[in-house]
Amino acid sequence: MMSASENRGQNGMARRPAINIDIDSLSVTGHVVFAGRDGQVKVQTGGDVAQHTNQTVTVGGVETTPQEFDMMLQCFRNMEDTIKKDNLASESREAAMHDLHTVEAQLTSSKKPNPRILIRAAKSLLRFSPALTAAALTLFDQPLVGAILASVGEVAINFQEALSGQRAAKKI
């Protein structure tokens, strides 16, 4: 048992006895809330400590990995290359780039896309050339794009299903 002098801190105030609590995980900052109260955490380990981080980004209102986001961005770059290489008239090339940038802005925003704006621009992309249509179908075949469309609602899901039917018809 502690004597009265051992149970006093440096400022003479009474100290509470230390409590050992095993915690499975902590936030990066070490902040913990116990029963609605903030607590100070001192971590002492008796062995190896492994740090695991899960990085996520939010695009189109959906959490995803940076790798999936990069795959989607690569599809946009491929579509830009297709527009530049296609033998489109100057006005058509500008319109296709505008539609592509509209789709990209809608899908890469941290918020959910506006389904009317997204679908109008995506449908417009399908009309310029077969090569651009193929590139657009590849974009809309990405799992991340499917998840974003699913989060937007039925109109977007119906659009993606129509694209899937168009993709299947092109394979035949």
Protein backbone atom coordinates (compact mmCIF):
# COMPACT_ATOMS: atom_id res chain seq x y z
CA MET A 1 0.00 0.00 0.00
CA MET A 2 1.24 3.51 -0.81
CA SER A 3 1.94 6.00 1.90
CA ALA A 4 0.29 9.42 1.76
CA SER A 5 3.52 11.04 0.53
CA GLU A 6 3.92 8.50 -2.29
CA ASN A 7 0.39 9.16 -3.49
CA ARG A 8 1.03 12.88 -4.08
CA GLY A 9 2.24 14.37 -7.36
CA GLN A 10 4.90 17.05 -7.78
CA ASN A 11 2.41 19.84 -7.09
CA GLY A 12 1.23 18.20 -3.88
CA MET A 13 -2.12 17.19 -5.38
CA ALA A 14 -3.36 13.69 -4.76
CA ARG A 15 -2.67 11.29 -7.67
CA ARG A 16 -5.04 8.65 -8.80
CA PRO A 17 -3.62 5.17 -8.98
CA ALA A 18 -2.59 4.13 -12.51
CA ILE A 19 -4.99 1.92 -14.41
CA ASN A 20 -3.73 -0.46 -17.05
CA ILE A 21 -6.10 -0.94 -19.95
CA ASP A 22 -5.32 -3.05 -22.98
CA ILE A 23 -6.33 -1.22 -26.14
CA ASP A 24 -6.43 -2.96 -29.48
CA SER A 25 -5.90 0.18 -31.56
CA LEU A 26 -5.37 3.92 -31.16
CA SER A 27 -5.78 6.84 -33.46
CA VAL A 28 -2.63 8.23 -35.03
CA THR A 29 -2.71 11.12 -32.58
CA GLY A 30 -3.13 8.83 -29.57
CA HIS A 31 -6.42 10.47 -28.62
CA VAL A 32 -8.84 8.20 -26.81
CA VAL A 33 -12.24 8.88 -25.30
CA PHE A 34 -13.23 6.76 -22.31
CA ALA A 35 -16.89 6.91 -21.25
CA GLY A 36 -17.35 10.30 -22.87
CA ARG A 37 -14.24 11.85 -21.33
CA ASP A 38 -10.96 12.65 -23.03
CA GLY A 39 -8.04 10.66 -21.81
CA GLN A 40 -4.30 10.98 -22.09
CA VAL A 41 -2.59 7.92 -23.43
CA LYS A 42 0.92 6.77 -22.69
CA VAL A 43 1.90 3.72 -24.67
CA GLN A 44 4.43 1.25 -23.37
CA THR A 45 5.12 -1.86 -25.33
CA GLY A 46 6.82 -5.02 -24.36
CA GLY A 47 7.49 -6.23 -27.88
CA ASP A 48 7.39 -5.34 -31.55
CA VAL A 49 4.94 -2.70 -32.66
CA ALA A 50 3.55 -2.82 -36.17
CA GLN A 51 1.81 0.12 -37.74
CA HIS A 52 -0.82 -0.57 -40.33
CA THR A 53 -2.29 2.28 -42.31
CA ASN A 54 -5.20 2.11 -44.68
CA GLN A 55 -5.15 5.06 -47.00
CA THR A 56 -8.43 5.93 -48.63
CA VAL A 57 -9.65 8.74 -50.81
CA THR A 58 -13.21 9.85 -51.36
CA VAL A 59 -14.27 10.35 -54.96
CA GLY A 60 -17.81 10.67 -56.18
CA GLY A 61 -18.98 10.30 -52.59
CA VAL A 62 -17.39 6.81 -52.37
CA GLU A 63 -14.34 5.79 -50.34
CA THR A 64 -11.73 3.98 -52.38
CA THR A 65 -8.06 3.17 -52.51
CA PRO A 66 -5.55 5.45 -54.21
CA GLN A 67 -4.81 2.59 -56.64
CA GLU A 68 -8.44 2.36 -57.83
CA PHE A 69 -8.55 6.13 -58.18
CA ASP A 70 -5.35 6.06 -60.25
CA MET A 71 -6.85 3.38 -62.51
CA MET A 72 -9.87 5.60 -63.12
CA LEU A 73 -7.63 8.61 -63.85
CA GLN A 74 -5.65 6.51 -66.34
CA CYS A 75 -8.89 5.78 -68.21
CA PHE A 76 -9.47 9.53 -68.48
CA ARG A 77 -5.95 10.03 -69.86
CA ASN A 78 -6.56 7.25 -72.39
CA MET A 79 -9.78 8.94 -73.47
CA GLU A 80 -7.97 12.26 -73.92
CA ASP A 81 -5.37 10.50 -76.09
CA THR A 82 -8.16 8.90 -78.13
CA ILE A 83 -9.81 12.28 -78.72
CA LYS A 84 -6.49 13.78 -79.81
CA LYS A 85 -5.71 10.89 -82.17
CA ASP A 86 -9.20 10.61 -83.69
CA ASN A 87 -9.86 12.37 -86.98
CA LEU A 88 -12.54 14.57 -85.47
CA ALA A 89 -13.49 17.99 -86.77
CA SER A 90 -12.21 20.83 -84.61
CA GLU A 91 -15.65 21.59 -83.15
CA SER A 92 -16.27 17.91 -82.41
CA ARG A 93 -12.85 17.57 -80.74
CA GLU A 94 -13.57 20.59 -78.50
CA ALA A 95 -17.04 19.27 -77.65
CA ALA A 96 -15.66 15.80 -76.86
CA MET A 97 -12.95 17.28 -74.60
CA HIS A 98 -15.56 19.41 -72.85
CA ASP A 99 -17.79 16.38 -72.27
CA LEU A 100 -14.82 14.34 -71.06
CA HIS A 101 -13.78 17.03 -68.59
CA THR A 102 -17.37 17.30 -67.38
CA VAL A 103 -17.51 13.54 -66.73
CA GLU A 104 -14.10 13.66 -65.04
CA ALA A 105 -15.12 16.57 -62.80
CA GLN A 106 -18.30 14.75 -61.78
CA LEU A 107 -16.57 11.45 -61.02
CA THR A 108 -13.46 12.81 -59.29
CA SER A 109 -15.17 15.29 -56.98
CA SER A 110 -15.31 14.30 -53.33
CA LYS A 111 -19.10 14.73 -53.46
CA LYS A 112 -21.64 12.57 -55.23
CA PRO A 113 -22.00 13.53 -58.88
CA ASN A 114 -25.06 15.20 -60.30
CA PRO A 115 -26.64 12.32 -62.26
CA ARG A 116 -28.23 14.56 -64.90
CA ILE A 117 -24.96 16.36 -65.73
CA LEU A 118 -22.92 13.15 -65.61
CA ILE A 119 -25.23 11.10 -67.82
CA ARG A 120 -25.75 13.91 -70.36
CA ALA A 121 -21.99 14.34 -70.81
CA ALA A 122 -21.34 10.57 -70.85
CA LYS A 123 -24.02 9.97 -73.50
CA SER A 124 -22.54 12.77 -75.57
CA LEU A 125 -19.11 11.10 -75.46
CA LEU A 126 -20.58 7.97 -77.04
CA ARG A 127 -21.57 9.79 -80.23
CA PHE A 128 -18.22 11.06 -81.51
CA SER A 129 -16.39 7.95 -82.75
CA PRO A 130 -16.21 4.19 -82.25
CA ALA A 131 -12.76 4.51 -80.65
CA LEU A 132 -14.01 7.07 -78.13
CA THR A 133 -17.07 4.93 -77.42
CA ALA A 134 -14.79 1.97 -76.66
CA ALA A 135 -12.65 4.11 -74.34
CA ALA A 136 -15.78 5.42 -72.58
CA LEU A 137 -17.08 1.88 -72.12
CA THR A 138 -13.74 0.94 -70.53
CA LEU A 139 -14.08 3.87 -68.11
CA PHE A 140 -17.62 2.95 -67.14
CA ASP A 141 -16.56 -0.66 -66.66
CA GLN A 142 -14.24 0.33 -63.78
CA PRO A 143 -15.44 -1.00 -60.39
CA LEU A 144 -14.95 2.44 -58.82
CA VAL A 145 -17.13 4.12 -61.45
CA GLY A 146 -19.77 1.43 -60.91
CA ALA A 147 -19.70 2.10 -57.16
CA ILE A 148 -20.05 5.84 -57.74
CA LEU A 149 -22.98 5.32 -60.10
CA ALA A 150 -24.62 2.92 -57.64
CA SER A 151 -24.38 5.55 -54.91
CA VAL A 152 -26.04 8.16 -57.13
CA GLY A 153 -29.22 6.25 -57.74
CA GLU A 154 -31.41 4.35 -60.15
CA VAL A 155 -30.99 6.66 -63.16
CA ALA A 156 -27.22 6.21 -63.10
CA ILE A 157 -27.51 2.46 -62.57
CA ASN A 158 -29.87 2.18 -65.55
CA PHE A 159 -27.35 4.13 -67.63
CA GLN A 160 -24.54 1.77 -66.66
CA GLU A 161 -26.71 -1.27 -67.44
CA ALA A 162 -27.46 0.20 -70.87
CA LEU A 163 -23.73 0.63 -71.42
CA SER A 164 -23.16 -2.97 -70.39
CA GLY A 165 -25.68 -4.08 -73.01
CA GLN A 166 -23.95 -1.92 -75.61
CA ARG A 167 -20.58 -3.41 -74.65
CA ALA A 168 -21.96 -6.95 -74.97
CA ALA A 169 -23.41 -6.14 -78.40
CA LYS A 170 -20.02 -4.85 -79.60
CA LYS A 171 -18.32 -8.11 -78.56
CA ILE A 172 -20.69 -10.19 -80.70
